Protein backbone atom coordinates (compact mmCIF):
# COMPACT_ATOMS: atom_id res chain seq x y z
CA MET A 1 36.40 -57.25 -12.85
CA ALA A 2 37.03 -56.22 -15.98
CA ALA A 3 35.94 -54.03 -18.20
CA ILE A 4 32.69 -54.18 -20.07
CA GLY A 5 32.19 -52.88 -23.56
CA GLU A 6 29.51 -51.17 -25.57
CA PHE A 7 27.74 -54.30 -27.45
CA GLU A 8 27.95 -56.32 -23.67
CA ILE A 9 26.66 -52.74 -21.73
CA LEU A 10 23.55 -53.40 -24.49
CA ILE A 11 23.02 -56.67 -24.60
CA LEU A 12 22.64 -56.17 -20.52
CA MET A 13 20.45 -53.57 -20.77
CA ALA A 14 18.13 -55.26 -23.56
CA VAL A 15 18.21 -58.95 -21.37
CA LEU A 16 16.76 -56.50 -18.25
CA ARG A 17 13.82 -54.77 -20.20
CA LEU A 18 12.93 -57.90 -21.69
CA ASP A 19 12.67 -59.85 -18.30
CA GLN A 20 10.92 -62.71 -18.62
CA ASP A 21 10.48 -62.78 -22.50
CA ALA A 22 14.74 -62.38 -22.80
CA TYR A 23 15.79 -65.05 -25.37
CA ALA A 24 18.47 -64.65 -28.59
CA PRO A 25 16.12 -63.42 -30.96
CA ALA A 26 14.17 -60.77 -29.18
CA VAL A 27 18.12 -59.55 -27.29
CA ARG A 28 18.54 -58.99 -30.81
CA ALA A 29 15.07 -56.77 -32.08
CA GLU A 30 15.41 -55.05 -29.00
CA ILE A 31 18.31 -53.55 -29.40
CA GLU A 32 17.98 -53.07 -33.00
CA ARG A 33 14.70 -50.88 -32.29
CA ARG A 34 16.33 -48.53 -29.62
CA THR A 35 19.65 -48.04 -31.35
CA GLY A 36 18.07 -48.31 -35.19
CA ARG A 37 21.46 -49.98 -36.70
CA GLY A 38 21.12 -53.38 -37.70
CA VAL A 39 22.88 -56.60 -34.80
CA SER A 40 24.08 -59.50 -36.85
CA ARG A 41 22.72 -63.13 -34.78
CA GLY A 42 26.26 -64.62 -34.24
CA ALA A 43 27.42 -61.15 -32.41
CA VAL A 44 24.32 -61.73 -30.11
CA TYR A 45 25.13 -65.25 -29.72
CA ILE A 46 29.16 -64.52 -29.57
CA THR A 47 27.94 -61.50 -26.38
CA LEU A 48 25.57 -63.69 -24.41
CA ASP A 49 27.93 -66.81 -24.25
CA ARG A 50 30.70 -64.67 -23.46
CA LEU A 51 28.46 -62.57 -20.52
CA GLU A 52 27.63 -65.88 -19.18
CA GLY A 53 30.76 -67.31 -19.09
CA LYS A 54 31.98 -63.92 -17.04
CA GLY A 55 29.51 -64.83 -14.31
CA LEU A 56 27.50 -61.35 -15.95
CA LEU A 57 24.23 -63.70 -17.24
CA VAL A 58 22.83 -66.35 -16.70
CA SER A 59 19.51 -69.08 -18.71
CA LYS A 60 18.06 -71.53 -18.67
CA LEU A 61 15.89 -73.46 -21.00
CA ALA A 62 12.30 -73.33 -21.12
CA GLY A 63 9.50 -73.50 -24.08
CA THR A 64 10.22 -74.01 -27.38
CA ASP A 65 10.76 -72.17 -30.53
CA GLU A 66 9.18 -72.59 -34.24
CA GLY A 67 10.82 -75.46 -34.77
CA GLY A 68 10.64 -77.82 -31.78
CA ARG A 69 14.08 -76.58 -30.24
CA GLN A 70 13.98 -75.17 -26.51
CA ARG A 71 15.55 -71.45 -26.48
CA ARG A 72 17.79 -70.34 -23.83
CA TYR A 73 16.30 -67.19 -21.47
CA TYR A 74 18.61 -65.26 -19.66
CA GLN A 75 18.41 -62.94 -16.79
CA VAL A 76 20.97 -60.36 -15.30
CA PRO A 77 22.10 -61.13 -11.66
CA ALA A 78 23.18 -59.49 -9.61
CA ARG A 79 26.46 -59.45 -10.36
CA GLY A 80 25.62 -58.07 -13.50
CA VAL A 81 23.51 -55.46 -12.50
CA ARG A 82 26.37 -54.32 -10.56
CA ALA A 83 29.54 -54.40 -13.86
CA ILE A 84 26.42 -52.28 -15.70
CA LYS A 85 26.03 -49.95 -12.71
CA ARG A 86 29.59 -48.96 -13.20
CA THR A 87 30.01 -48.78 -16.41
CA LEU A 88 27.63 -46.42 -16.64
CA ALA A 89 29.48 -44.94 -13.43
CA ALA A 90 32.39 -44.40 -15.92
CA LEU A 91 31.21 -42.97 -18.91
CA GLU A 92 29.46 -40.13 -17.02
CA HIS A 93 32.66 -39.59 -15.19
CA MET A 94 34.23 -39.07 -17.93
CA ARG A 95 31.61 -36.95 -20.00
CA GLN A 96 31.53 -34.54 -17.31
CA GLY A 97 33.18 -31.03 -18.21
CA LEU A 98 32.71 -32.03 -22.31
CA GLU A 99 29.43 -30.31 -22.18
CA PRO A 100 31.30 -27.52 -24.58
CA ILE A 101 32.53 -29.91 -27.07
CA LEU A 102 29.86 -32.69 -26.86
CA GLY A 103 26.28 -30.28 -25.74
CA LYS A 104 24.23 -32.01 -23.59
CA ILE A 105 23.37 -35.00 -24.28
C-alpha cells in the first residue's frame, strides 16, 4: 500500500473522532479546531474522495443539510485503520533518537 500524507492522516483521524457524524463540513471543522489551522473546503472534499478511492474510507448518503441536499457520511474501515497505524508507527520510528534536536514531544 502506498504511503499516506499528513493531511490524509488528519482527515482519517477526524473521521474516526466524529464517528457517525463524519460528513465533510464536520471533518473540516474538527481538523481546524484540533490543529488551529485553516483548511479549505476543496482540500477536504478532494482528500475524502481520494481516500475513498484508495479504499481507506467508505461513505453513504443519509440525512439532509440545511439546503435539503443529502449528506455524505464517512467511516474508516479496517484497511484505513491499518494505514493510520502503519503511518504513525513509521513516524515514531523516524522520530526516535531525535530527542536532542526536537526535544520531548
